[in-house]
PDB file of N, CA and C in Angstrom:
ATOM      1  N   MET A   1      -9.672  10.073  -5.697  1.00  0.00           N
ATOM      2  CA  MET A   1      -8.565   9.538  -4.955  1.00  0.00           C
ATOM      3  C   MET A   1      -7.464  10.565  -4.639  1.00  0.00           C
ATOM      4  N   CYS A   2      -6.952  10.354  -3.516  1.00  0.00           N
ATOM      5  CA  CYS A   2      -5.907  11.239  -3.063  1.00  0.00           C
ATOM      6  C   CYS A   2      -4.544  10.590  -3.394  1.00  0.00           C
ATOM      7  N   ALA A   3      -3.764  11.110  -4.217  1.00  0.00           N
ATOM      8  CA  ALA A   3      -2.359  10.529  -4.483  1.00  0.00           C
ATOM      9  C   ALA A   3      -1.227  11.569  -4.408  1.00  0.00           C
ATOM     10  N   SER A   4      -0.119  11.063  -3.897  1.00  0.00           N
ATOM     11  CA  SER A   4       0.989  12.104  -3.892  1.00  0.00           C
ATOM     12  C   SER A   4       2.272  11.438  -3.867  1.00  0.00           C
ATOM     13  N   LEU A   5       3.334  12.443  -4.316  1.00  0.00           N
ATOM     14  CA  LEU A   5       4.640  11.890  -4.434  1.00  0.00           C
ATOM     15  C   LEU A   5       5.401  12.525  -3.207  1.00  0.00           C
ATOM     16  N   ASP A   6       5.639  11.596  -2.352  1.00  0.00           N
ATOM     17  CA  ASP A   6       6.391  11.969  -1.100  1.00  0.00           C
ATOM     18  C   ASP A   6       7.880  12.146  -1.367  1.00  0.00           C
ATOM     19  N   ASP A   7       8.353  13.356  -1.625  1.00  0.00           N
ATOM     20  CA  ASP A   7       9.705  13.492  -1.784  1.00  0.00           C
ATOM     21  C   ASP A   7      10.426  14.121  -0.486  1.00  0.00           C
ATOM     22  N   PRO A   8      11.531  13.762  -0.174  1.00  0.00           N
ATOM     23  CA  PRO A   8      12.522  13.084  -0.966  1.00  0.00           C
ATOM     24  C   PRO A   8      12.608  11.500  -0.806  1.00  0.00           C
ATOM     25  N   SER A   9      11.587  10.956  -0.226  1.00  0.00           N
ATOM     26  CA  SER A   9      11.837   9.636   0.069  1.00  0.00           C
ATOM     27  C   SER A   9      11.447   8.604  -1.092  1.00  0.00           C
ATOM     28  N   CYS A  10      11.081   9.262  -2.125  1.00  0.00           N
ATOM     29  CA  CYS A  10      10.710   8.523  -3.435  1.00  0.00           C
ATOM     30  C   CYS A  10       9.623   7.381  -3.135  1.00  0.00           C
ATOM     31  N   ARG A  11       8.574   8.001  -2.607  1.00  0.00           N
ATOM     32  CA  ARG A  11       7.420   7.205  -2.309  1.00  0.00           C
ATOM     33  C   ARG A  11       6.022   7.754  -2.976  1.00  0.00           C
ATOM     34  N   LEU A  12       5.359   6.823  -3.706  1.00  0.00           N
ATOM     35  CA  LEU A  12       3.929   7.194  -4.122  1.00  0.00           C
ATOM     36  C   LEU A  12       2.989   6.614  -3.032  1.00  0.00           C
ATOM     37  N   PHE A  13       2.090   7.525  -2.762  1.00  0.00           N
ATOM     38  CA  PHE A  13       0.977   7.196  -1.786  1.00  0.00           C
ATOM     39  C   PHE A  13      -0.366   7.416  -2.346  1.00  0.00           C
ATOM     40  N   ALA A  14      -1.149   6.475  -2.420  1.00  0.00           N
ATOM     41  CA  ALA A  14      -2.569   6.568  -2.923  1.00  0.00           C
ATOM     42  C   ALA A  14      -3.572   6.105  -1.786  1.00  0.00           C
ATOM     43  N   GLU A  15      -4.598   6.951  -1.699  1.00  0.00           N
ATOM     44  CA  GLU A  15      -5.659   6.652  -0.700  1.00  0.00           C
ATOM     45  C   GLU A  15      -7.038   6.907  -1.493  1.00  0.00           C
ATOM     46  N   PRO A  16      -7.664   5.923  -2.133  1.00  0.00           N
ATOM     47  CA  PRO A  16      -8.736   6.147  -2.876  1.00  0.00           C
ATOM     48  C   PRO A  16      -9.960   6.286  -1.952  1.00  0.00           C
ATOM     49  N   TYR A  17     -10.915   7.200  -2.360  1.00  0.00           N
ATOM     50  CA  TYR A  17     -12.224   7.324  -1.530  1.00  0.00           C
ATOM     51  C   TYR A  17     -12.819   5.986  -1.452  1.00  0.00           C
ATOM     52  N   ASP A  18     -13.539   5.746  -0.490  1.00  0.00           N
ATOM     53  CA  ASP A  18     -14.235   4.570  -0.264  1.00  0.00           C
ATOM     54  C   ASP A  18     -13.458   3.259  -0.242  1.00  0.00           C
ATOM     55  N   SER A  19     -12.287   3.425   0.454  1.00  0.00           N
ATOM     56  CA  SER A  19     -11.343   2.259   0.542  1.00  0.00           C
ATOM     57  C   SER A  19     -11.493   1.666   1.865  1.00  0.00           C
ATOM     58  N   ASN A  20     -12.344   1.916   2.658  1.00  0.00           N
ATOM     59  CA  ASN A  20     -12.629   1.512   4.011  1.00  0.00           C
ATOM     60  C   ASN A  20     -11.294   1.689   4.950  1.00  0.00           C
ATOM     61  N   GLY A  21     -10.482   2.750   4.630  1.00  0.00           N
ATOM     62  CA  GLY A  21      -9.342   2.998   5.456  1.00  0.00           C
ATOM     63  C   GLY A  21      -8.031   2.560   4.934  1.00  0.00           C
ATOM     64  N   PHE A  22      -8.167   1.820   3.793  1.00  0.00           N
ATOM     65  CA  PHE A  22      -6.966   1.217   3.356  1.00  0.00           C
ATOM     66  C   PHE A  22      -6.279   2.170   2.390  1.00  0.00           C
ATOM     67  N   PHE A  23      -4.802   2.050   2.182  1.00  0.00           N
ATOM     68  CA  PHE A  23      -4.169   2.890   1.357  1.00  0.00           C
ATOM     69  C   PHE A  23      -2.929   2.008   0.792  1.00  0.00           C
ATOM     70  N   LEU A  24      -2.362   2.484  -0.418  1.00  0.00           N
ATOM     71  CA  LEU A  24      -1.272   1.880  -1.074  1.00  0.00           C
ATOM     72  C   LEU A  24      -0.090   2.872  -1.090  1.00  0.00           C
ATOM     73  N   THR A  25       1.056   2.084  -0.799  1.00  0.00           N
ATOM     74  CA  THR A  25       2.286   2.864  -0.854  1.00  0.00           C
ATOM     75  C   THR A  25       3.320   2.067  -1.848  1.00  0.00           C
ATOM     76  N   ILE A  26       3.990   2.982  -2.658  1.00  0.00           N
ATOM     77  CA  ILE A  26       4.911   2.301  -3.673  1.00  0.00           C
ATOM     78  C   ILE A  26       6.077   3.133  -3.348  1.00  0.00           C
ATOM     79  N   GLU A  27       7.134   2.309  -2.730  1.00  0.00           N
ATOM     80  CA  GLU A  27       8.423   3.056  -2.327  1.00  0.00           C
ATOM     81  C   GLU A  27       9.646   2.569  -3.041  1.00  0.00           C
ATOM     82  N   ALA A  28      10.443   3.416  -3.690  1.00  0.00           N
ATOM     83  CA  ALA A  28      11.676   3.149  -4.140  1.00  0.00           C
ATOM     84  C   ALA A  28      12.756   3.012  -3.137  1.00  0.00           C
ATOM     85  N   PRO A  29      13.805   2.204  -3.473  1.00  0.00           N
ATOM     86  CA  PRO A  29      14.807   2.097  -2.386  1.00  0.00           C
ATOM     87  C   PRO A  29      15.652   3.463  -2.322  1.00  0.00           C
ATOM     88  N   GLU A  30      16.312   3.657  -1.319  1.00  0.00           N
ATOM     89  CA  GLU A  30      17.219   4.583  -1.180  1.00  0.00           C
ATOM     90  C   GLU A  30      18.393   4.631  -2.036  1.00  0.00           C
ATOM     91  N   PRO A  31      18.790   5.614  -2.869  1.00  0.00           N
ATOM     92  CA  PRO A  31      20.024   5.307  -3.769  1.00  0.00           C
ATOM     93  C   PRO A  31      21.325   4.750  -3.194  1.00  0.00           C
ATOM     94  N   ASP A  32      21.626   4.980  -1.909  1.00  0.00           N
ATOM     95  CA  ASP A  32      22.821   4.488  -1.492  1.00  0.00           C
ATOM     96  C   ASP A  32      22.693   3.172  -0.773  1.00  0.00           C
ATOM     97  N   GLU A  33      21.505   2.472  -0.799  1.00  0.00           N
ATOM     98  CA  GLU A  33      21.332   1.050  -0.312  1.00  0.00           C
ATOM     99  C   GLU A  33      21.452   0.028  -1.440  1.00  0.00           C
ATOM    100  N   ASP A  34      22.666  -0.666  -1.504  1.00  0.00           N
ATOM    101  CA  ASP A  34      22.847  -1.567  -2.584  1.00  0.00           C
ATOM    102  C   ASP A  34      21.920  -2.869  -2.524  1.00  0.00           C
ATOM    103  N   ASP A  35      21.369  -3.220  -1.368  1.00  0.00           N
ATOM    104  CA  ASP A  35      20.611  -4.487  -1.450  1.00  0.00           C
ATOM    105  C   ASP A  35      19.214  -4.298  -1.187  1.00  0.00           C
ATOM    106  N   ALA A  36      18.748  -2.969  -1.205  1.00  0.00           N
ATOM    107  CA  ALA A  36      17.372  -2.546  -0.986  1.00  0.00           C
ATOM    108  C   ALA A  36      16.506  -2.963  -2.220  1.00  0.00           C
ATOM    109  N   ALA A  37      15.297  -3.197  -1.922  1.00  0.00           N
ATOM    110  CA  ALA A  37      14.355  -3.598  -2.966  1.00  0.00           C
ATOM    111  C   ALA A  37      13.066  -2.457  -2.931  1.00  0.00           C
ATOM    112  N   TRP A  38      12.450  -2.397  -4.172  1.00  0.00           N
ATOM    113  CA  TRP A  38      11.236  -1.663  -4.232  1.00  0.00           C
ATOM    114  C   TRP A  38      10.165  -2.308  -3.342  1.00  0.00           C
ATOM    115  N   GLU A  39       9.385  -1.582  -2.651  1.00  0.00           N
ATOM    116  CA  GLU A  39       8.238  -2.282  -1.908  1.00  0.00           C
ATOM    117  C   GLU A  39       6.909  -1.662  -2.275  1.00  0.00           C
ATOM    118  N   ILE A  40       6.009  -2.543  -2.415  1.00  0.00           N
ATOM    119  CA  ILE A  40       4.547  -2.288  -2.537  1.00  0.00           C
ATOM    120  C   ILE A  40       3.964  -2.672  -1.198  1.00  0.00           C
ATOM    121  N   GLU A  41       3.268  -1.664  -0.773  1.00  0.00           N
ATOM    122  CA  GLU A  41       2.559  -1.897   0.713  1.00  0.00           C
ATOM    123  C   GLU A  41       1.110  -1.469   0.675  1.00  0.00           C
ATOM    124  N   VAL A  42       0.280  -2.393   1.248  1.00  0.00           N
ATOM    125  CA  VAL A  42      -1.031  -2.072   1.580  1.00  0.00           C
ATOM    126  C   VAL A  42      -1.063  -1.813   3.085  1.00  0.00           C
ATOM    127  N   GLY A  43      -1.764  -0.706   3.279  1.00  0.00           N
ATOM    128  CA  GLY A  43      -1.871  -0.346   4.894  1.00  0.00           C
ATOM    129  C   GLY A  43      -3.194   0.061   5.141  1.00  0.00           C
ATOM    130  N   LEU A  44      -3.370   0.261   6.359  1.00  0.00           N
ATOM    131  CA  LEU A  44      -4.725   0.524   7.014  1.00  0.00           C
ATOM    132  C   LEU A  44      -4.592   1.600   8.062  1.00  0.00           C
ATOM    133  N   TRP A  45      -5.477   2.538   8.071  1.00  0.00           N
ATOM    134  CA  TRP A  45      -5.623   3.607   9.005  1.00  0.00           C
ATOM    135  C   TRP A  45      -6.192   3.097  10.271  1.00  0.00           C
ATOM    136  N   VAL A  46      -5.631   3.232  11.499  1.00  0.00           N
ATOM    137  CA  VAL A  46      -6.053   2.644  12.778  1.00  0.00           C
ATOM    138  C   VAL A  46      -6.234   3.784  13.527  1.00  0.00           C
ATOM    139  N   PRO A  47      -7.452   4.025  14.185  1.00  0.00           N
ATOM    140  CA  PRO A  47      -7.843   5.192  15.022  1.00  0.00           C
ATOM    141  C   PRO A  47      -6.942   5.169  16.169  1.00  0.00           C
ATOM    142  N   ASP A  48      -6.441   6.286  16.527  1.00  0.00           N
ATOM    143  CA  ASP A  48      -5.688   6.517  17.760  1.00  0.00           C
ATOM    144  C   ASP A  48      -6.495   6.226  19.032  1.00  0.00           C
ATOM    145  N   ASP A  49      -7.730   6.584  18.791  1.00  0.00           N
ATOM    146  CA  ASP A  49      -8.702   6.481  20.057  1.00  0.00           C
ATOM    147  C   ASP A  49      -9.699   5.408  19.606  1.00  0.00           C
ATOM    148  N   PRO A  50      -9.539   4.118  19.976  1.00  0.00           N
ATOM    149  CA  PRO A  50     -10.562   3.163  19.553  1.00  0.00           C
ATOM    150  C   PRO A  50     -11.864   3.306  20.030  1.00  0.00           C
ATOM    151  N   TYR A  51     -12.266   4.243  20.943  1.00  0.00           N
ATOM    152  CA  TYR A  51     -13.476   4.379  21.357  1.00  0.00           C
ATOM    153  C   TYR A  51     -14.305   5.551  20.571  1.00  0.00           C
ATOM    154  N   GLU A  52     -13.746   6.213  19.736  1.00  0.00           N
ATOM    155  CA  GLU A  52     -14.236   7.142  18.777  1.00  0.00           C
ATOM    156  C   GLU A  52     -15.275   6.413  17.857  1.00  0.00           C
ATOM    157  N   GLU A  53     -16.453   7.052  17.544  1.00  0.00           N
ATOM    158  CA  GLU A  53     -17.360   6.514  16.598  1.00  0.00           C
ATOM    159  C   GLU A  53     -16.774   6.311  15.204  1.00  0.00           C
ATOM    160  N   SER A  54     -17.153   5.333  14.411  1.00  0.00           N
ATOM    161  CA  SER A  54     -16.577   5.186  13.189  1.00  0.00           C
ATOM    162  C   SER A  54     -16.818   6.399  12.251  1.00  0.00           C
ATOM    163  N   GLY A  55     -15.905   6.772  11.427  1.00  0.00           N
ATOM    164  CA  GLY A  55     -16.105   7.949  10.731  1.00  0.00           C
ATOM    165  C   GLY A  55     -15.656   9.327  11.440  1.00  0.00           C
ATOM    166  N   GLU A  56     -15.665   9.340  12.729  1.00  0.00           N
ATOM    167  CA  GLU A  56     -15.521  10.499  13.554  1.00  0.00           C
ATOM    168  C   GLU A  56     -14.120  10.718  14.140  1.00  0.00           C
ATOM    169  N   HIS A  57     -12.999   9.820  13.557  1.00  0.00           N
ATOM    170  CA  HIS A  57     -11.754   9.967  14.197  1.00  0.00           C
ATOM    171  C   HIS A  57     -11.069  11.300  13.866  1.00  0.00           C
ATOM    172  N   THR A  58     -10.523  11.671  15.049  1.00  0.00           N
ATOM    173  CA  THR A  58      -9.777  12.884  14.964  1.00  0.00           C
ATOM    174  C   THR A  58      -8.298  12.826  14.549  1.00  0.00           C
ATOM    175  N   SER A  59      -7.730  11.420  14.723  1.00  0.00           N
ATOM    176  CA  SER A  59      -6.556  11.007  14.411  1.00  0.00           C
ATOM    177  C   SER A  59      -6.384   9.601  14.180  1.00  0.00           C
ATOM    178  N   ALA A  60      -5.547   9.175  13.414  1.00  0.00           N
ATOM    179  CA  ALA A  60      -5.249   7.792  13.049  1.00  0.00           C
ATOM    180  C   ALA A  60      -3.778   7.611  12.647  1.00  0.00           C
ATOM    181  N   THR A  61      -3.437   6.313  12.894  1.00  0.00           N
ATOM    182  CA  THR A  61      -1.921   6.014  12.510  1.00  0.00           C
ATOM    183  C   THR A  61      -2.188   4.901  11.382  1.00  0.00           C
ATOM    184  N   GLY A  62      -1.222   5.111  10.438  1.00  0.00           N
ATOM    185  CA  GLY A  62      -1.212   4.157   9.137  1.00  0.00           C
ATOM    186  C   GLY A  62      -0.381   3.016   9.609  1.00  0.00           C
ATOM    187  N   ASP A  63      -0.909   1.647   9.602  1.00  0.00           N
ATOM    188  CA  ASP A  63      -0.165   0.585   9.856  1.00  0.00           C
ATOM    189  C   ASP A  63       0.042  -0.305   8.568  1.00  0.00           C
ATOM    190  N   PRO A  64       1.213  -0.855   8.373  1.00  0.00           N
ATOM    191  CA  PRO A  64       1.367  -1.737   7.282  1.00  0.00           C
ATOM    192  C   PRO A  64       0.423  -3.084   7.317  1.00  0.00           C
ATOM    193  N   VAL A  65      -0.177  -3.644   6.473  1.00  0.00           N
ATOM    194  CA  VAL A  65      -0.861  -4.955   6.635  1.00  0.00           C
ATOM    195  C   VAL A  65      -0.044  -5.935   5.783  1.00  0.00           C
ATOM    196  N   VAL A  66       0.292  -5.741   4.458  1.00  0.00           N
ATOM    197  CA  VAL A  66       0.968  -6.667   3.685  1.00  0.00           C
ATOM    198  C   VAL A  66       2.077  -5.868   2.847  1.00  0.00           C
ATOM    199  N   SER A  67       3.246  -6.521   2.533  1.00  0.00           N
ATOM    200  CA  SER A  67       4.271  -5.893   1.826  1.00  0.00           C
ATOM    201  C   SER A  67       4.651  -6.803   0.750  1.00  0.00           C
ATOM    202  N   CYS A  68       5.102  -6.317  -0.386  1.00  0.00           N
ATOM    203  CA  CYS A  68       5.694  -7.185  -1.522  1.00  0.00           C
ATOM    204  C   CYS A  68       7.021  -6.461  -1.889  1.00  0.00           C
ATOM    205  N   ALA A  69       8.033  -7.254  -1.406  1.00  0.00           N
ATOM    206  CA  ALA A  69       9.486  -6.598  -1.762  1.00  0.00           C
ATOM    207  C   ALA A  69       9.850  -7.039  -3.146  1.00  0.00           C
ATOM    208  N   LEU A  70      10.105  -6.092  -4.088  1.00  0.00           N
ATOM    209  CA  LEU A  70      10.405  -6.398  -5.540  1.00  0.00           C
ATOM    210  C   LEU A  70      11.868  -6.294  -5.832  1.00  0.00           C
ATOM    211  N   PRO A  71      12.589  -7.502  -6.357  1.00  0.00           N
ATOM    212  CA  PRO A  71      13.897  -7.398  -6.655  1.00  0.00           C
ATOM    213  C   PRO A  71      14.247  -6.413  -7.690  1.00  0.00           C
ATOM    214  N   LEU A  72      13.364  -6.115  -8.705  1.00  0.00           N
ATOM    215  CA  LEU A  72      13.474  -5.274  -9.755  1.00  0.00           C
ATOM    216  C   LEU A  72      12.427  -4.166  -9.674  1.00  0.00           C
ATOM    217  N   ALA A  73      12.704  -2.949 -10.095  1.00  0.00           N
ATOM    218  CA  ALA A  73      11.881  -1.824 -10.209  1.00  0.00           C
ATOM    219  C   ALA A  73      10.579  -2.122 -10.880  1.00  0.00           C
ATOM    220  N   PRO A  74       9.466  -1.818 -10.444  1.00  0.00           N
ATOM    221  CA  PRO A  74       8.295  -1.988 -11.471  1.00  0.00           C
ATOM    222  C   PRO A  74       8.313  -1.008 -12.476  1.00  0.00           C
ATOM    223  N   SER A  75       7.857  -1.276 -13.671  1.00  0.00           N
ATOM    224  CA  SER A  75       7.962  -0.341 -14.628  1.00  0.00           C
ATOM    225  C   SER A  75       6.994   0.854 -14.474  1.00  0.00           C
ATOM    226  N   ALA A  76       7.033   1.868 -15.102  1.00  0.00           N
ATOM    227  CA  ALA A  76       6.117   3.054 -15.034  1.00  0.00           C
ATOM    228  C   ALA A  76       4.749   2.578 -15.297  1.00  0.00           C
ATOM    229  N   ASP A  77       4.717   1.787 -16.280  1.00  0.00           N
ATOM    230  CA  ASP A  77       3.260   1.182 -16.787  1.00  0.00           C
ATOM    231  C   ASP A  77       2.664   0.290 -15.531  1.00  0.00           C
ATOM    232  N   GLU A  78       3.565  -0.421 -14.857  1.00  0.00           N
ATOM    233  CA  GLU A  78       2.994  -1.205 -13.645  1.00  0.00           C
ATOM    234  C   GLU A  78       2.380  -0.302 -12.621  1.00  0.00           C
ATOM    235  N   ARG A  79       3.298   0.657 -12.344  1.00  0.00           N
ATOM    236  CA  ARG A  79       2.849   1.510 -11.223  1.00  0.00           C
ATOM    237  C   ARG A  79       1.582   2.360 -11.606  1.00  0.00           C
ATOM    238  N   VAL A  80       1.514   2.706 -12.812  1.00  0.00           N
ATOM    239  CA  VAL A  80       0.198   3.279 -13.120  1.00  0.00           C
ATOM    240  C   VAL A  80      -0.801   2.348 -13.095  1.00  0.00           C
ATOM    241  N   ARG A  81      -0.594   1.074 -13.547  1.00  0.00           N
ATOM    242  CA  ARG A  81      -1.691   0.153 -13.533  1.00  0.00           C
ATOM    243  C   ARG A  81      -2.205  -0.206 -12.093  1.00  0.00           C
ATOM    244  N   LEU A  82      -1.288  -0.143 -11.160  1.00  0.00           N
ATOM    245  CA  LEU A  82      -1.547  -0.346  -9.737  1.00  0.00           C
ATOM    246  C   LEU A  82      -2.505   0.884  -9.269  1.00  0.00           C
ATOM    247  N   LEU A  83      -1.982   2.076  -9.597  1.00  0.00           N
ATOM    248  CA  LEU A  83      -2.676   3.322  -9.071  1.00  0.00           C
ATOM    249  C   LEU A  83      -4.130   3.329  -9.732  1.00  0.00           C
ATOM    250  N   THR A  84      -4.212   3.013 -11.094  1.00  0.00           N
ATOM    251  CA  THR A  84      -5.514   3.080 -11.838  1.00  0.00           C
ATOM    252  C   THR A  84      -6.394   2.055 -11.118  1.00  0.00           C
ATOM    253  N   SER A  85      -5.924   0.776 -10.786  1.00  0.00           N
ATOM    254  CA  SER A  85      -6.747  -0.363 -10.395  1.00  0.00           C
ATOM    255  C   SER A  85      -7.387   0.090  -9.074  1.00  0.00           C
ATOM    256  N   VAL A  86      -6.688   0.626  -8.167  1.00  0.00           N
ATOM    257  CA  VAL A  86      -7.217   0.986  -6.742  1.00  0.00           C
ATOM    258  C   VAL A  86      -8.138   2.162  -6.973  1.00  0.00           C
ATOM    259  N   ASP A  87      -7.830   3.096  -7.869  1.00  0.00           N
ATOM    260  CA  ASP A  87      -8.703   4.141  -8.149  1.00  0.00           C
ATOM    261  C   ASP A  87     -10.090   3.847  -8.565  1.00  0.00           C
ATOM    262  N   GLU A  88     -10.073   2.706  -9.558  1.00  0.00           N
ATOM    263  CA  GLU A  88     -11.376   2.251 -10.064  1.00  0.00           C
ATOM    264  C   GLU A  88     -11.959   1.393  -9.045  1.00  0.00           C
ATOM    265  N   LYS A  89     -11.301   0.562  -8.333  1.00  0.00           N
ATOM    266  CA  LYS A  89     -11.816  -0.414  -7.517  1.00  0.00           C
ATOM    267  C   LYS A  89     -11.272  -0.185  -6.150  1.00  0.00           C
ATOM    268  N   PRO A  90     -11.680   0.656  -5.364  1.00  0.00           N
ATOM    269  CA  PRO A  90     -11.076   0.982  -4.088  1.00  0.00           C
ATOM    270  C   PRO A  90     -10.997  -0.170  -3.074  1.00  0.00           C
ATOM    271  N   LEU A  91     -11.938  -1.010  -3.183  1.00  0.00           N
ATOM    272  CA  LEU A  91     -11.998  -2.073  -2.081  1.00  0.00           C
ATOM    273  C   LEU A  91     -11.082  -3.234  -2.558  1.00  0.00           C
ATOM    274  N   LEU A  92     -10.362  -3.110  -3.647  1.00  0.00           N
ATOM    275  CA  LEU A  92      -9.465  -4.030  -4.061  1.00  0.00           C
ATOM    276  C   LEU A  92      -8.360  -3.999  -3.057  1.00  0.00           C
ATOM    277  N   LEU A  93      -7.986  -2.873  -2.404  1.00  0.00           N
ATOM    278  CA  LEU A  93      -7.065  -2.830  -1.203  1.00  0.00           C
ATOM    279  C   LEU A  93      -7.424  -3.795  -0.148  1.00  0.00           C
ATOM    280  N   ALA A  94      -8.721  -3.726   0.255  1.00  0.00           N
ATOM    281  CA  ALA A  94      -9.066  -4.577   1.257  1.00  0.00           C
ATOM    282  C   ALA A  94      -8.855  -6.190   0.868  1.00  0.00           C
ATOM    283  N   GLU A  95      -9.080  -6.335  -0.490  1.00  0.00           N
ATOM    284  CA  GLU A  95      -8.799  -7.908  -0.904  1.00  0.00           C
ATOM    285  C   GLU A  95      -7.496  -8.160  -0.807  1.00  0.00           C
ATOM    286  N   TRP A  96      -6.601  -7.188  -1.374  1.00  0.00           N
ATOM    287  CA  TRP A  96      -5.162  -7.458  -1.308  1.00  0.00           C
ATOM    288  C   TRP A  96      -4.588  -7.565   0.025  1.00  0.00           C
ATOM    289  N   ALA A  97      -5.238  -6.889   1.042  1.00  0.00           N
ATOM    290  CA  ALA A  97      -4.788  -6.975   2.538  1.00  0.00           C
ATOM    291  C   ALA A  97      -4.857  -8.367   2.975  1.00  0.00           C
ATOM    292  N   GLU A  98      -5.807  -9.287   2.444  1.00  0.00           N
ATOM    293  CA  GLU A  98      -6.103 -10.588   2.990  1.00  0.00           C
ATOM    294  C   GLU A  98      -5.141 -11.617   2.294  1.00  0.00           C
ATOM    295  N   THR A  99      -4.294 -11.167   1.378  1.00  0.00           N
ATOM    296  CA  THR A  99      -3.279 -12.046   0.675  1.00  0.00           C
ATOM    297  C   THR A  99      -2.338 -12.699   1.419  1.00  0.00           C
ATOM    298  N   PRO A 100      -2.191 -14.112   1.532  1.00  0.00           N
ATOM    299  CA  PRO A 100      -1.278 -14.677   2.273  1.00  0.00           C
ATOM    300  C   PRO A 100       0.174 -14.489   1.661  1.00  0.00           C
ATOM    301  N   VAL A 101       1.283 -14.561   2.444  1.00  0.00           N
ATOM    302  CA  VAL A 101       2.642 -14.753   2.006  1.00  0.00           C
ATOM    303  C   VAL A 101       2.763 -15.686   0.829  1.00  0.00           C
ATOM    304  N   GLY A 102       3.448 -15.480  -0.162  1.00  0.00           N
ATOM    305  CA  GLY A 102       3.842 -16.342  -1.191  1.00  0.00           C
ATOM    306  C   GLY A 102       2.848 -16.194  -2.271  1.00  0.00           C
ATOM    307  N   GLU A 103       1.731 -15.455  -2.155  1.00  0.00           N
ATOM    308  CA  GLU A 103       0.666 -15.369  -3.159  1.00  0.00           C
ATOM    309  C   GLU A 103       0.668 -13.959  -3.753  1.00  0.00           C
ATOM    310  N   ALA A 104       0.246 -13.871  -5.045  1.00  0.00           N
ATOM    311  CA  ALA A 104       0.239 -12.522  -5.746  1.00  0.00           C
ATOM    312  C   ALA A 104      -0.883 -11.705  -5.453  1.00  0.00           C
ATOM    313  N   LEU A 105      -0.775 -10.406  -5.232  1.00  0.00           N
ATOM    314  CA  LEU A 105      -1.840  -9.596  -5.242  1.00  0.00           C
ATOM    315  C   LEU A 105      -2.774  -9.802  -6.393  1.00  0.00           C
ATOM    316  N   VAL A 106      -4.089 -10.023  -6.274  1.00  0.00           N
ATOM    317  CA  VAL A 106      -4.981 -10.341  -7.256  1.00  0.00           C
ATOM    318  C   VAL A 106      -4.932  -9.237  -8.328  1.00  0.00           C
ATOM    319  N   GLY A 107      -4.724  -9.787  -9.696  1.00  0.00           N
ATOM    320  CA  GLY A 107      -4.630  -8.988 -10.788  1.00  0.00           C
ATOM    321  C   GLY A 107      -3.147  -8.443 -11.127  1.00  0.00           C
ATOM    322  N   THR A 108      -2.176  -8.926 -10.245  1.00  0.00           N
ATOM    323  CA  THR A 108      -0.897  -8.397 -10.496  1.00  0.00           C
ATOM    324  C   THR A 108       0.096  -9.725 -10.392  1.00  0.00           C
ATOM    325  N   ALA A 109       1.367  -9.380 -10.620  1.00  0.00           N
ATOM    326  CA  ALA A 109       2.280 -10.431 -10.498  1.00  0.00           C
ATOM    327  C   ALA A 109       3.222 -10.144  -9.195  1.00  0.00           C
ATOM    328  N   MET A 110       2.799  -9.267  -8.366  1.00  0.00           N
ATOM    329  CA  MET A 110       3.516  -8.978  -7.243  1.00  0.00           C
ATOM    330  C   MET A 110       3.132  -9.749  -6.012  1.00  0.00           C
ATOM    331  N   VAL A 111       4.138 -10.444  -5.632  1.00  0.00           N
ATOM    332  CA  VAL A 111       3.896 -11.596  -4.603  1.00  0.00           C
ATOM    333  C   VAL A 111       3.996 -10.996  -3.123  1.00  0.00           C
ATOM    334  N   VAL A 112       3.220 -11.270  -2.204  1.00  0.00           N
ATOM    335  CA  VAL A 112       3.489 -10.767  -0.875  1.00  0.00           C
ATOM    336  C   VAL A 112       4.543 -11.491  -0.112  1.00  0.00           C
ATOM    337  N   THR A 113       5.414 -10.687   0.287  1.00  0.00           N
ATOM    338  CA  THR A 113       6.693 -11.236   1.094  1.00  0.00           C
ATOM    339  C   THR A 113       6.500 -11.093   2.580  1.00  0.00           C
ATOM    340  N   ARG A 114       5.580 -10.443   3.033  1.00  0.00           N
ATOM    341  CA  ARG A 114       5.546 -10.215   4.425  1.00  0.00           C
ATOM    342  C   ARG A 114       4.163  -9.641   4.721  1.00  0.00           C
ATOM    343  N   ARG A 115       3.431 -10.385   5.882  1.00  0.00           N
ATOM    344  CA  ARG A 115       2.391  -9.887   6.511  1.00  0.00           C
ATOM    345  C   ARG A 115       2.671  -9.191   7.847  1.00  0.00           C
ATOM    346  N   HIS A 116       2.177  -8.212   8.155  1.00  0.00           N
ATOM    347  CA  HIS A 116       2.565  -7.564   9.231  1.00  0.00           C
ATOM    348  C   HIS A 116       1.566  -7.738  10.538  1.00  0.00           C
ATOM    349  N   ASP A 117       0.558  -8.758  10.364  1.00  0.00           N
ATOM    350  CA  ASP A 117      -0.251  -8.990  11.419  1.00  0.00           C
ATOM    351  C   ASP A 117      -0.058 -10.270  12.026  1.00  0.00           C
ATOM    352  N   SER A 118       1.191 -10.873  11.645  1.00  0.00           N
ATOM    353  CA  SER A 118       1.541 -12.187  12.285  1.00  0.00           C
ATOM    354  C   SER A 118       2.688 -12.230  13.065  1.00  0.00           C
TER     355      SER A 118
END
C-alpha cells in the first residue's frame, strides 16, 4: 500500500494496491478554523481521458465519493485501524464508497455525512 503524510495540510493519504482505483484520506482541520471537523474521505481516481484503455491511464483526477465529518478527532488507534483495514482488505474502500448518508462505514463508527455523487 502507498501511504503518506501530506504536510503541511495534516492529511494522511492511503492508496492500497488492488483497490480498483479507490483511496482513503484522513484530514485534520486547519489549526485556525474553530468550527472545522476532522474528515474521513473515500475517493476514486477518474481517468482524465475516458477513452484510454483500463490500466493504461496516463493521468487521472481524484474525486471524492463519500465523506465522514467527525466532530472529535479520531484517536491514533482509530486512524491506525482504518489504515490497517484498507491495507488488509483493499476492496473495503469500494464497499465504503457505496455507504448511504447517515450510515456508518462497515466495521467503523464513522458515519457518512456526505455523498459527492448526488
